[in-house]
Protein backbone atom coordinates (compact mmCIF):
# COMPACT_ATOMS: atom_id res chain seq x y z
CA UNK A 1 43.08 62.28 -26.33
CA UNK A 2 40.97 59.50 -26.87
CA UNK A 3 37.64 59.34 -24.48
CA UNK A 4 37.07 56.28 -23.07
CA UNK A 5 32.87 55.01 -23.64
CA UNK A 6 31.53 52.23 -21.33
CA UNK A 7 29.42 49.87 -23.38
CA UNK A 8 26.08 48.31 -21.79
CA UNK A 9 26.01 45.50 -23.88
CA UNK A 10 29.78 44.38 -23.19
CA UNK A 11 28.62 41.84 -20.35
CA UNK A 12 26.04 40.89 -17.53
CA UNK A 13 25.71 42.73 -13.94
CA UNK A 14 26.33 41.28 -10.92
CA UNK A 15 22.30 41.60 -10.41
CA UNK A 16 21.72 39.80 -13.54
CA UNK A 17 23.83 37.22 -12.93
CA UNK A 18 22.27 36.52 -9.49
CA UNK A 19 18.61 36.81 -10.86
CA UNK A 20 20.09 33.92 -13.50
CA UNK A 21 21.79 32.20 -10.92
CA UNK A 22 18.11 31.87 -8.59
CA UNK A 23 15.94 30.89 -11.29
CA UNK A 24 18.26 28.08 -12.20
CA UNK A 25 18.51 27.50 -8.79
CA UNK A 26 14.78 27.08 -8.93
CA UNK A 27 14.45 24.86 -11.63
CA UNK A 28 17.02 22.18 -9.96
CA UNK A 29 14.99 22.29 -6.72
CA UNK A 30 11.64 21.43 -8.43
CA UNK A 31 13.32 18.61 -10.69
CA UNK A 32 14.81 17.59 -7.48
CA UNK A 33 11.53 17.66 -5.66
CA UNK A 34 10.15 15.57 -8.41
CA UNK A 35 12.70 12.82 -8.53
CA UNK A 36 12.48 12.61 -5.09
CA UNK A 37 8.34 12.00 -4.45
CA UNK A 38 8.74 9.78 -7.91
CA UNK A 39 11.51 6.93 -5.42
CA UNK A 40 8.97 8.04 -2.60
CA UNK A 41 5.98 6.81 -4.60
CA UNK A 42 7.36 3.70 -6.05
CA UNK A 43 8.99 2.75 -2.70
CA UNK A 44 4.74 2.61 -1.63
CA UNK A 45 4.19 0.84 -4.48
CA UNK A 46 6.31 -1.97 -3.81
CA UNK A 47 5.58 -2.44 -0.52
CA UNK A 48 1.82 -2.37 -0.96
CA UNK A 49 2.36 -4.61 -4.04
CA UNK A 50 4.61 -7.11 -1.60
CA UNK A 51 1.72 -6.91 1.08
CA UNK A 52 -0.45 -8.14 -1.50
CA UNK A 53 1.58 -10.70 -2.92
CA UNK A 54 1.79 -12.21 1.15
CA UNK A 55 -1.87 -11.54 1.56
CA UNK A 56 -2.74 -13.81 -1.92
CA UNK A 57 0.03 -16.59 -0.29
CA UNK A 58 -1.94 -16.36 3.07
CA UNK A 59 -5.47 -17.05 1.62
CA UNK A 60 -3.76 -19.80 -0.46
CA UNK A 61 -2.02 -21.57 2.22
CA UNK A 62 -5.50 -22.18 4.59
CA UNK A 63 -6.61 -25.10 5.21
CA UNK A 64 -9.74 -26.38 3.79
CA UNK A 65 -12.82 -24.58 4.42
CA UNK A 66 -14.39 -27.62 5.56
CA UNK A 67 -11.71 -27.86 8.30
CA UNK A 68 -11.06 -24.75 9.35
CA UNK A 69 -13.00 -23.01 12.60
CA UNK A 70 -13.34 -19.97 13.73
CA UNK A 71 -10.10 -18.58 15.96
CA UNK A 72 -6.87 -16.83 14.84
CA UNK A 73 -3.78 -17.99 13.22
CA UNK A 74 -0.99 -15.93 13.00
CA UNK A 75 2.65 -16.50 11.10
CA UNK A 76 4.90 -15.18 8.95
CA UNK A 77 5.35 -15.48 5.07
CA UNK A 78 8.80 -13.65 2.99
CA UNK A 79 9.27 -11.46 6.17
CA UNK A 80 6.03 -10.32 6.77
CA UNK A 81 3.93 -11.04 9.28
CA UNK A 82 0.36 -12.08 9.23
CA UNK A 83 -2.58 -12.36 11.64
CA UNK A 84 -6.19 -14.58 10.37
CA UNK A 85 -9.33 -14.16 12.27
CA UNK A 86 -12.25 -16.34 11.23
CA UNK A 87 -15.48 -15.63 13.35
CA UNK A 88 -18.88 -16.36 12.85
CA UNK A 89 -20.45 -14.00 10.49
CA UNK A 90 -24.02 -13.20 11.57
CA UNK A 91 -26.89 -13.03 9.02
CA UNK A 92 -30.89 -13.23 9.00
CA UNK A 93 -32.57 -14.18 6.40
CA UNK A 94 -36.28 -14.70 6.83
CA UNK A 95 -37.57 -17.48 6.39
CA UNK A 96 -34.58 -19.74 5.49
CA UNK A 97 -34.00 -21.58 9.07
CA UNK A 98 -32.82 -25.03 8.17
CA UNK A 99 -32.77 -24.56 4.19
CA UNK A 100 -29.27 -22.97 4.64
CA UNK A 101 -26.49 -24.63 2.50
CA UNK A 102 -23.66 -22.44 3.15
CA UNK A 103 -22.87 -20.71 6.04
CA UNK A 104 -20.90 -17.63 5.89
CA UNK A 105 -17.65 -17.40 8.20
CA UNK A 106 -15.90 -13.55 8.30
CA UNK A 107 -12.60 -13.22 7.70
CA UNK A 108 -10.08 -10.70 8.74
CA UNK A 109 -6.48 -10.99 7.84
CA UNK A 110 -3.87 -8.46 8.51
CA UNK A 111 -0.64 -8.78 6.83
CA UNK A 112 2.21 -6.52 8.08
CA UNK A 113 5.92 -5.83 6.65
CA UNK A 114 8.56 -4.78 8.98
CA UNK A 115 8.77 -1.45 7.34
CA UNK A 116 5.36 -0.47 8.71
CA UNK A 117 3.39 -1.31 5.81
CA UNK A 118 0.34 -2.77 6.63
CA UNK A 119 -3.03 -4.27 4.94
CA UNK A 120 -6.37 -5.32 6.12
CA UNK A 121 -8.46 -7.43 4.14
CA UNK A 122 -12.34 -8.55 5.17
CA UNK A 123 -14.04 -11.09 3.53
CA UNK A 124 -16.37 -13.68 4.27
CA UNK A 125 -15.65 -17.80 3.33
CA UNK A 126 -18.83 -19.79 2.64
CA UNK A 127 -18.22 -23.43 4.51
CA UNK A 128 -20.77 -25.86 3.85
CA UNK A 129 -24.10 -25.80 6.52
CA UNK A 130 -23.02 -29.36 7.31
CA UNK A 131 -19.62 -29.11 8.58
CA UNK A 132 -20.84 -26.86 11.26
CA UNK A 133 -23.18 -29.16 12.79
């Protein structure tokens, strides 16, 4: 009679196969998470780009600085809503009373997208002093 001998290198054990499957699953999950975060970052960058483009268009569409007064403007452009608030920029320059050629005006532009993105731009617009008198 022949004796049956078991060979240990004949294949994988169930434990080895499960460990290999767990390592493979962890690697695929990490790759999937990386892909998801890349898509989310690209979506945020696209939204920000569109908001900045709308802010530029809104500033370009403003009336001439000689006729733009204090107050608020609002509207919609390219599907994004915007609000502009113009107010006097309060400052004090010692010894410059009556000798100022320009008068600063504070501008705040808020652009919001329907998806919830928002950008706020604060700037100062210089107006010729003669237009305010």
